[in-house]
PDB file of N, CA and C in Angstrom:
ATOM      1  N   MET A   1       3.721  18.611   4.281  1.00  0.00           N
ATOM      2  CA  MET A   1       2.386  18.344   4.756  1.00  0.00           C
ATOM      3  C   MET A   1       2.366  18.297   6.275  1.00  0.00           C
ATOM      4  N   ALA A   2       3.395  17.712   6.888  1.00  0.00           N
ATOM      5  CA  ALA A   2       3.419  17.581   8.346  1.00  0.00           C
ATOM      6  C   ALA A   2       3.483  18.940   9.033  1.00  0.00           C
ATOM      7  N   GLU A   3       3.958  19.975   8.335  1.00  0.00           N
ATOM      8  CA  GLU A   3       3.978  21.317   8.927  1.00  0.00           C
ATOM      9  C   GLU A   3       2.559  21.860   9.063  1.00  0.00           C
ATOM     10  N   THR A   4       1.700  21.522   8.134  1.00  0.00           N
ATOM     11  CA  THR A   4       0.306  21.967   8.170  1.00  0.00           C
ATOM     12  C   THR A   4      -0.548  21.063   9.054  1.00  0.00           C
ATOM     13  N   LEU A   5      -0.298  19.775   8.971  1.00  0.00           N
ATOM     14  CA  LEU A   5      -1.050  18.789   9.754  1.00  0.00           C
ATOM     15  C   LEU A   5      -0.073  17.989  10.608  1.00  0.00           C
ATOM     16  N   PRO A   6       0.227  18.456  11.808  1.00  0.00           N
ATOM     17  CA  PRO A   6       1.194  17.749  12.659  1.00  0.00           C
ATOM     18  C   PRO A   6       0.848  16.267  12.796  1.00  0.00           C
ATOM     19  N   GLY A   7       1.869  15.447  12.653  1.00  0.00           N
ATOM     20  CA  GLY A   7       1.683  14.012  12.772  1.00  0.00           C
ATOM     21  C   GLY A   7       1.249  13.332  11.493  1.00  0.00           C
ATOM     22  N   PHE A   8       0.962  14.131  10.455  1.00  0.00           N
ATOM     23  CA  PHE A   8       0.508  13.549   9.196  1.00  0.00           C
ATOM     24  C   PHE A   8       1.662  12.854   8.499  1.00  0.00           C
ATOM     25  N   GLU A   9       1.385  11.679   7.970  1.00  0.00           N
ATOM     26  CA  GLU A   9       2.384  10.938   7.211  1.00  0.00           C
ATOM     27  C   GLU A   9       1.687  10.298   6.028  1.00  0.00           C
ATOM     28  N   ASN A  10       2.284  10.390   4.877  1.00  0.00           N
ATOM     29  CA  ASN A  10       1.738   9.750   3.690  1.00  0.00           C
ATOM     30  C   ASN A  10       2.894   9.140   2.925  1.00  0.00           C
ATOM     31  N   ILE A  11       2.747   7.877   2.627  1.00  0.00           N
ATOM     32  CA  ILE A  11       3.779   7.205   1.842  1.00  0.00           C
ATOM     33  C   ILE A  11       3.137   6.646   0.587  1.00  0.00           C
ATOM     34  N   GLY A  12       3.878   6.650  -0.464  1.00  0.00           N
ATOM     35  CA  GLY A  12       3.383   6.048  -1.690  1.00  0.00           C
ATOM     36  C   GLY A  12       3.535   4.540  -1.613  1.00  0.00           C
ATOM     37  N   TRP A  13       2.721   3.848  -2.360  1.00  0.00           N
ATOM     38  CA  TRP A  13       2.820   2.391  -2.364  1.00  0.00           C
ATOM     39  C   TRP A  13       2.329   1.844  -3.693  1.00  0.00           C
ATOM     40  N   PHE A  14       2.749   0.645  -3.964  1.00  0.00           N
ATOM     41  CA  PHE A  14       2.294  -0.111  -5.118  1.00  0.00           C
ATOM     42  C   PHE A  14       1.805  -1.452  -4.597  1.00  0.00           C
ATOM     43  N   GLY A  15       0.817  -2.012  -5.241  1.00  0.00           N
ATOM     44  CA  GLY A  15       0.336  -3.311  -4.804  1.00  0.00           C
ATOM     45  C   GLY A  15      -0.339  -4.050  -5.938  1.00  0.00           C
ATOM     46  N   LEU A  16      -0.482  -5.332  -5.740  1.00  0.00           N
ATOM     47  CA  LEU A  16      -1.185  -6.160  -6.714  1.00  0.00           C
ATOM     48  C   LEU A  16      -2.639  -6.283  -6.288  1.00  0.00           C
ATOM     49  N   MET A  17      -3.527  -6.158  -7.249  1.00  0.00           N
ATOM     50  CA  MET A  17      -4.956  -6.274  -6.991  1.00  0.00           C
ATOM     51  C   MET A  17      -5.516  -7.386  -7.874  1.00  0.00           C
ATOM     52  N   ALA A  18      -6.648  -7.927  -7.442  1.00  0.00           N
ATOM     53  CA  ALA A  18      -7.332  -8.957  -8.215  1.00  0.00           C
ATOM     54  C   ALA A  18      -8.830  -8.703  -8.105  1.00  0.00           C
ATOM     55  N   PRO A  19      -9.600  -9.188  -9.066  1.00  0.00           N
ATOM     56  CA  PRO A  19     -11.053  -9.037  -8.967  1.00  0.00           C
ATOM     57  C   PRO A  19     -11.587  -9.664  -7.673  1.00  0.00           C
ATOM     58  N   ALA A  20     -12.672  -9.123  -7.155  1.00  0.00           N
ATOM     59  CA  ALA A  20     -13.243  -9.592  -5.889  1.00  0.00           C
ATOM     60  C   ALA A  20     -13.581 -11.074  -5.912  1.00  0.00           C
ATOM     61  N   ALA A  21     -13.936 -11.610  -7.042  1.00  0.00           N
ATOM     62  CA  ALA A  21     -14.351 -13.017  -7.121  1.00  0.00           C
ATOM     63  C   ALA A  21     -13.183 -13.990  -7.306  1.00  0.00           C
ATOM     64  N   THR A  22     -11.946 -13.498  -7.217  1.00  0.00           N
ATOM     65  CA  THR A  22     -10.791 -14.377  -7.404  1.00  0.00           C
ATOM     66  C   THR A  22     -10.757 -15.420  -6.285  1.00  0.00           C
ATOM     67  N   PRO A  23     -10.632 -16.689  -6.624  1.00  0.00           N
ATOM     68  CA  PRO A  23     -10.591 -17.732  -5.595  1.00  0.00           C
ATOM     69  C   PRO A  23      -9.426 -17.539  -4.616  1.00  0.00           C
ATOM     70  N   LYS A  24      -9.682 -17.876  -3.350  1.00  0.00           N
ATOM     71  CA  LYS A  24      -8.680 -17.690  -2.299  1.00  0.00           C
ATOM     72  C   LYS A  24      -7.390 -18.453  -2.606  1.00  0.00           C
ATOM     73  N   ASP A  25      -7.489 -19.658  -3.164  1.00  0.00           N
ATOM     74  CA  ASP A  25      -6.275 -20.418  -3.452  1.00  0.00           C
ATOM     75  C   ASP A  25      -5.411 -19.715  -4.498  1.00  0.00           C
ATOM     76  N   VAL A  26      -6.032 -19.028  -5.432  1.00  0.00           N
ATOM     77  CA  VAL A  26      -5.283 -18.260  -6.435  1.00  0.00           C
ATOM     78  C   VAL A  26      -4.608 -17.063  -5.765  1.00  0.00           C
ATOM     79  N   LEU A  27      -5.360 -16.346  -4.925  1.00  0.00           N
ATOM     80  CA  LEU A  27      -4.786 -15.209  -4.204  1.00  0.00           C
ATOM     81  C   LEU A  27      -3.613 -15.654  -3.337  1.00  0.00           C
ATOM     82  N   ASP A  28      -3.783 -16.769  -2.648  1.00  0.00           N
ATOM     83  CA  ASP A  28      -2.710 -17.281  -1.785  1.00  0.00           C
ATOM     84  C   ASP A  28      -1.457 -17.618  -2.587  1.00  0.00           C
ATOM     85  N   LYS A  29      -1.640 -18.223  -3.757  1.00  0.00           N
ATOM     86  CA  LYS A  29      -0.473 -18.559  -4.588  1.00  0.00           C
ATOM     87  C   LYS A  29       0.226 -17.303  -5.083  1.00  0.00           C
ATOM     88  N   VAL A  30      -0.544 -16.337  -5.554  1.00  0.00           N
ATOM     89  CA  VAL A  30       0.059 -15.079  -6.021  1.00  0.00           C
ATOM     90  C   VAL A  30       0.820 -14.418  -4.867  1.00  0.00           C
ATOM     91  N   TYR A  31       0.212 -14.412  -3.676  1.00  0.00           N
ATOM     92  CA  TYR A  31       0.888 -13.826  -2.508  1.00  0.00           C
ATOM     93  C   TYR A  31       2.193 -14.567  -2.209  1.00  0.00           C
ATOM     94  N   ARG A  32       2.147 -15.885  -2.108  1.00  0.00           N
ATOM     95  CA  ARG A  32       3.356 -16.662  -1.783  1.00  0.00           C
ATOM     96  C   ARG A  32       4.458 -16.430  -2.813  1.00  0.00           C
ATOM     97  N   ASP A  33       4.090 -16.480  -4.095  1.00  0.00           N
ATOM     98  CA  ASP A  33       5.095 -16.300  -5.154  1.00  0.00           C
ATOM     99  C   ASP A  33       5.669 -14.889  -5.129  1.00  0.00           C
ATOM    100  N   THR A  34       4.810 -13.904  -4.917  1.00  0.00           N
ATOM    101  CA  THR A  34       5.264 -12.513  -4.867  1.00  0.00           C
ATOM    102  C   THR A  34       6.159 -12.273  -3.658  1.00  0.00           C
ATOM    103  N   ALA A  35       5.757 -12.768  -2.500  1.00  0.00           N
ATOM    104  CA  ALA A  35       6.559 -12.597  -1.280  1.00  0.00           C
ATOM    105  C   ALA A  35       7.927 -13.240  -1.450  1.00  0.00           C
ATOM    106  N   LYS A  36       7.962 -14.396  -2.084  1.00  0.00           N
ATOM    107  CA  LYS A  36       9.225 -15.103  -2.314  1.00  0.00           C
ATOM    108  C   LYS A  36      10.162 -14.257  -3.193  1.00  0.00           C
ATOM    109  N   ILE A  37       9.613 -13.679  -4.246  1.00  0.00           N
ATOM    110  CA  ILE A  37      10.410 -12.846  -5.154  1.00  0.00           C
ATOM    111  C   ILE A  37      10.884 -11.570  -4.441  1.00  0.00           C
ATOM    112  N   LEU A  38       9.967 -10.943  -3.689  1.00  0.00           N
ATOM    113  CA  LEU A  38      10.332  -9.700  -2.998  1.00  0.00           C
ATOM    114  C   LEU A  38      11.413  -9.913  -1.952  1.00  0.00           C
ATOM    115  N   ASP A  39      11.563 -11.139  -1.488  1.00  0.00           N
ATOM    116  CA  ASP A  39      12.553 -11.433  -0.453  1.00  0.00           C
ATOM    117  C   ASP A  39      13.932 -11.752  -1.020  1.00  0.00           C
ATOM    118  N   THR A  40      14.091 -11.699  -2.338  1.00  0.00           N
ATOM    119  CA  THR A  40      15.399 -11.996  -2.925  1.00  0.00           C
ATOM    120  C   THR A  40      16.303 -10.765  -2.852  1.00  0.00           C
ATOM    121  N   THR A  41      17.576 -11.021  -2.760  1.00  0.00           N
ATOM    122  CA  THR A  41      18.563  -9.939  -2.712  1.00  0.00           C
ATOM    123  C   THR A  41      18.488  -9.088  -3.970  1.00  0.00           C
ATOM    124  N   GLU A  42      18.342  -9.729  -5.115  1.00  0.00           N
ATOM    125  CA  GLU A  42      18.283  -8.995  -6.381  1.00  0.00           C
ATOM    126  C   GLU A  42      17.096  -8.028  -6.418  1.00  0.00           C
ATOM    127  N   MET A  43      15.922  -8.498  -6.032  1.00  0.00           N
ATOM    128  CA  MET A  43      14.737  -7.636  -6.076  1.00  0.00           C
ATOM    129  C   MET A  43      14.838  -6.514  -5.050  1.00  0.00           C
ATOM    130  N   ARG A  44      15.323  -6.828  -3.858  1.00  0.00           N
ATOM    131  CA  ARG A  44      15.486  -5.780  -2.839  1.00  0.00           C
ATOM    132  C   ARG A  44      16.458  -4.705  -3.336  1.00  0.00           C
ATOM    133  N   ALA A  45      17.521  -5.120  -4.031  1.00  0.00           N
ATOM    134  CA  ALA A  45      18.489  -4.165  -4.565  1.00  0.00           C
ATOM    135  C   ALA A  45      17.841  -3.281  -5.628  1.00  0.00           C
ATOM    136  N   ARG A  46      16.997  -3.869  -6.460  1.00  0.00           N
ATOM    137  CA  ARG A  46      16.313  -3.081  -7.500  1.00  0.00           C
ATOM    138  C   ARG A  46      15.392  -2.035  -6.876  1.00  0.00           C
ATOM    139  N   PHE A  47      14.666  -2.432  -5.841  1.00  0.00           N
ATOM    140  CA  PHE A  47      13.796  -1.479  -5.154  1.00  0.00           C
ATOM    141  C   PHE A  47      14.619  -0.397  -4.462  1.00  0.00           C
ATOM    142  N   TYR A  48      15.712  -0.785  -3.817  1.00  0.00           N
ATOM    143  CA  TYR A  48      16.554   0.159  -3.096  1.00  0.00           C
ATOM    144  C   TYR A  48      17.050   1.269  -4.012  1.00  0.00           C
ATOM    145  N   VAL A  49      17.459   0.923  -5.223  1.00  0.00           N
ATOM    146  CA  VAL A  49      17.940   1.913  -6.196  1.00  0.00           C
ATOM    147  C   VAL A  49      16.850   2.942  -6.486  1.00  0.00           C
ATOM    148  N   LEU A  50      15.594   2.525  -6.420  1.00  0.00           N
ATOM    149  CA  LEU A  50      14.470   3.419  -6.676  1.00  0.00           C
ATOM    150  C   LEU A  50      14.002   4.149  -5.417  1.00  0.00           C
ATOM    151  N   GLY A  51      14.695   3.915  -4.306  1.00  0.00           N
ATOM    152  CA  GLY A  51      14.301   4.543  -3.046  1.00  0.00           C
ATOM    153  C   GLY A  51      13.087   3.890  -2.422  1.00  0.00           C
ATOM    154  N   MET A  52      12.864   2.631  -2.739  1.00  0.00           N
ATOM    155  CA  MET A  52      11.680   1.924  -2.251  1.00  0.00           C
ATOM    156  C   MET A  52      12.088   0.746  -1.364  1.00  0.00           C
ATOM    157  N   VAL A  53      11.164   0.353  -0.505  1.00  0.00           N
ATOM    158  CA  VAL A  53      11.376  -0.802   0.363  1.00  0.00           C
ATOM    159  C   VAL A  53      10.223  -1.781   0.136  1.00  0.00           C
ATOM    160  N   PRO A  54      10.512  -2.977  -0.357  1.00  0.00           N
ATOM    161  CA  PRO A  54       9.431  -3.938  -0.559  1.00  0.00           C
ATOM    162  C   PRO A  54       8.863  -4.417   0.774  1.00  0.00           C
ATOM    163  N   VAL A  55       7.548  -4.554   0.838  1.00  0.00           N
ATOM    164  CA  VAL A  55       6.891  -4.962   2.077  1.00  0.00           C
ATOM    165  C   VAL A  55       6.428  -6.406   1.983  1.00  0.00           C
ATOM    166  N   GLY A  56       5.660  -6.738   0.981  1.00  0.00           N
ATOM    167  CA  GLY A  56       5.195  -8.109   0.816  1.00  0.00           C
ATOM    168  C   GLY A  56       4.217  -8.544   1.889  1.00  0.00           C
ATOM    169  N   ASN A  57       3.305  -7.637   2.288  1.00  0.00           N
ATOM    170  CA  ASN A  57       2.339  -8.016   3.313  1.00  0.00           C
ATOM    171  C   ASN A  57       1.280  -8.972   2.756  1.00  0.00           C
ATOM    172  N   THR A  58       0.542  -9.590   3.648  1.00  0.00           N
ATOM    173  CA  THR A  58      -0.482 -10.558   3.236  1.00  0.00           C
ATOM    174  C   THR A  58      -1.651  -9.834   2.573  1.00  0.00           C
ATOM    175  N   PRO A  59      -2.494 -10.571   1.845  1.00  0.00           N
ATOM    176  CA  PRO A  59      -3.678  -9.936   1.272  1.00  0.00           C
ATOM    177  C   PRO A  59      -4.542  -9.245   2.337  1.00  0.00           C
ATOM    178  N   ALA A  60      -4.691  -9.856   3.494  1.00  0.00           N
ATOM    179  CA  ALA A  60      -5.501  -9.245   4.568  1.00  0.00           C
ATOM    180  C   ALA A  60      -4.845  -7.967   5.080  1.00  0.00           C
ATOM    181  N   GLN A  61      -3.533  -7.979   5.253  1.00  0.00           N
ATOM    182  CA  GLN A  61      -2.825  -6.773   5.713  1.00  0.00           C
ATOM    183  C   GLN A  61      -2.931  -5.658   4.674  1.00  0.00           C
ATOM    184  N   PHE A  62      -2.826  -6.016   3.405  1.00  0.00           N
ATOM    185  CA  PHE A  62      -2.925  -5.024   2.341  1.00  0.00           C
ATOM    186  C   PHE A  62      -4.331  -4.425   2.311  1.00  0.00           C
ATOM    187  N   ALA A  63      -5.352  -5.281   2.454  1.00  0.00           N
ATOM    188  CA  ALA A  63      -6.740  -4.790   2.485  1.00  0.00           C
ATOM    189  C   ALA A  63      -6.938  -3.839   3.665  1.00  0.00           C
ATOM    190  N   ASP A  64      -6.375  -4.164   4.823  1.00  0.00           N
ATOM    191  CA  ASP A  64      -6.467  -3.284   5.994  1.00  0.00           C
ATOM    192  C   ASP A  64      -5.804  -1.936   5.715  1.00  0.00           C
ATOM    193  N   ALA A  65      -4.627  -1.967   5.092  1.00  0.00           N
ATOM    194  CA  ALA A  65      -3.906  -0.730   4.785  1.00  0.00           C
ATOM    195  C   ALA A  65      -4.714   0.143   3.821  1.00  0.00           C
ATOM    196  N   ILE A  66      -5.336  -0.467   2.837  1.00  0.00           N
ATOM    197  CA  ILE A  66      -6.158   0.285   1.875  1.00  0.00           C
ATOM    198  C   ILE A  66      -7.358   0.908   2.591  1.00  0.00           C
ATOM    199  N   ARG A  67      -8.018   0.135   3.467  1.00  0.00           N
ATOM    200  CA  ARG A  67      -9.164   0.676   4.225  1.00  0.00           C
ATOM    201  C   ARG A  67      -8.738   1.861   5.092  1.00  0.00           C
ATOM    202  N   GLU A  68      -7.593   1.724   5.775  1.00  0.00           N
ATOM    203  CA  GLU A  68      -7.104   2.816   6.628  1.00  0.00           C
ATOM    204  C   GLU A  68      -6.828   4.073   5.809  1.00  0.00           C
ATOM    205  N   GLU A  69      -6.145   3.906   4.684  1.00  0.00           N
ATOM    206  CA  GLU A  69      -5.834   5.074   3.860  1.00  0.00           C
ATOM    207  C   GLU A  69      -7.089   5.676   3.245  1.00  0.00           C
ATOM    208  N   SER A  70      -8.019   4.842   2.826  1.00  0.00           N
ATOM    209  CA  SER A  70      -9.273   5.335   2.255  1.00  0.00           C
ATOM    210  C   SER A  70     -10.063   6.135   3.276  1.00  0.00           C
ATOM    211  N   ALA A  71      -9.988   5.768   4.542  1.00  0.00           N
ATOM    212  CA  ALA A  71     -10.693   6.498   5.605  1.00  0.00           C
ATOM    213  C   ALA A  71      -9.992   7.811   5.938  1.00  0.00           C
ATOM    214  N   LEU A  72      -8.694   7.891   5.692  1.00  0.00           N
ATOM    215  CA  LEU A  72      -7.917   9.079   6.034  1.00  0.00           C
ATOM    216  C   LEU A  72      -8.283  10.292   5.182  1.00  0.00           C
ATOM    217  N   TRP A  73      -8.394  10.120   3.883  1.00  0.00           N
ATOM    218  CA  TRP A  73      -8.521  11.271   2.987  1.00  0.00           C
ATOM    219  C   TRP A  73      -9.803  12.063   3.142  1.00  0.00           C
ATOM    220  N   PRO A  74     -10.964  11.443   3.317  1.00  0.00           N
ATOM    221  CA  PRO A  74     -12.163  12.275   3.547  1.00  0.00           C
ATOM    222  C   PRO A  74     -12.022  13.140   4.805  1.00  0.00           C
ATOM    223  N   LYS A  75     -11.376  12.592   5.825  1.00  0.00           N
ATOM    224  CA  LYS A  75     -11.145  13.346   7.063  1.00  0.00           C
ATOM    225  C   LYS A  75     -10.245  14.563   6.797  1.00  0.00           C
ATOM    226  N   VAL A  76      -9.176  14.358   6.046  1.00  0.00           N
ATOM    227  CA  VAL A  76      -8.264  15.462   5.715  1.00  0.00           C
ATOM    228  C   VAL A  76      -9.008  16.534   4.933  1.00  0.00           C
ATOM    229  N   VAL A  77      -9.803  16.118   3.945  1.00  0.00           N
ATOM    230  CA  VAL A  77     -10.551  17.069   3.118  1.00  0.00           C
ATOM    231  C   VAL A  77     -11.531  17.868   3.975  1.00  0.00           C
ATOM    232  N   ARG A  78     -12.271  17.177   4.853  1.00  0.00           N
ATOM    233  CA  ARG A  78     -13.239  17.867   5.731  1.00  0.00           C
ATOM    234  C   ARG A  78     -12.543  18.835   6.682  1.00  0.00           C
ATOM    235  N   GLU A  79     -11.523  18.349   7.398  1.00  0.00           N
ATOM    236  CA  GLU A  79     -10.853  19.175   8.404  1.00  0.00           C
ATOM    237  C   GLU A  79     -10.172  20.389   7.810  1.00  0.00           C
ATOM    238  N   ARG A  80      -9.627  20.241   6.602  1.00  0.00           N
ATOM    239  CA  ARG A  80      -8.907  21.359   5.975  1.00  0.00           C
ATOM    240  C   ARG A  80      -9.814  22.171   5.059  1.00  0.00           C
ATOM    241  N   LYS A  81     -11.102  21.779   4.975  1.00  0.00           N
ATOM    242  CA  LYS A  81     -12.079  22.478   4.131  1.00  0.00           C
ATOM    243  C   LYS A  81     -11.577  22.624   2.689  1.00  0.00           C
ATOM    244  N   ILE A  82     -11.077  21.520   2.180  1.00  0.00           N
ATOM    245  CA  ILE A  82     -10.550  21.488   0.811  1.00  0.00           C
ATOM    246  C   ILE A  82     -11.714  21.348  -0.160  1.00  0.00           C
ATOM    247  N   ALA A  83     -11.706  22.178  -1.196  1.00  0.00           N
ATOM    248  CA  ALA A  83     -12.761  22.138  -2.207  1.00  0.00           C
ATOM    249  C   ALA A  83     -12.141  22.113  -3.592  1.00  0.00           C
ATOM    250  N   VAL A  84     -12.821  21.454  -4.501  1.00  0.00           N
ATOM    251  CA  VAL A  84     -12.377  21.416  -5.893  1.00  0.00           C
ATOM    252  C   VAL A  84     -12.868  22.680  -6.577  1.00  0.00           C
ATOM    253  N   ASN A  85     -11.975  23.359  -7.271  1.00  0.00           N
ATOM    254  CA  ASN A  85     -12.354  24.578  -8.004  1.00  0.00           C
ATOM    255  C   ASN A  85     -12.496  24.290  -9.467  1.00  0.00           C
TER     256      ASN A  85
END
């Protein structure tokens, strides 16, 4: 892809999502517990075997990353004049 669009980078990711109405204290607990697990040697080793690197960013950081990626694709489609056949 970078040969066609210089500077383009796309990485795959996995994340946990919750309904919009989920209370903040619940989201915070899920984040803390998940970050704690992702920081263990055992979990990092499991991800490494799969060629993955756990990030464990905050809910706000994850929301920012999703917004950034969501804004990227319409631009790519427009600039490259991509159409569904």
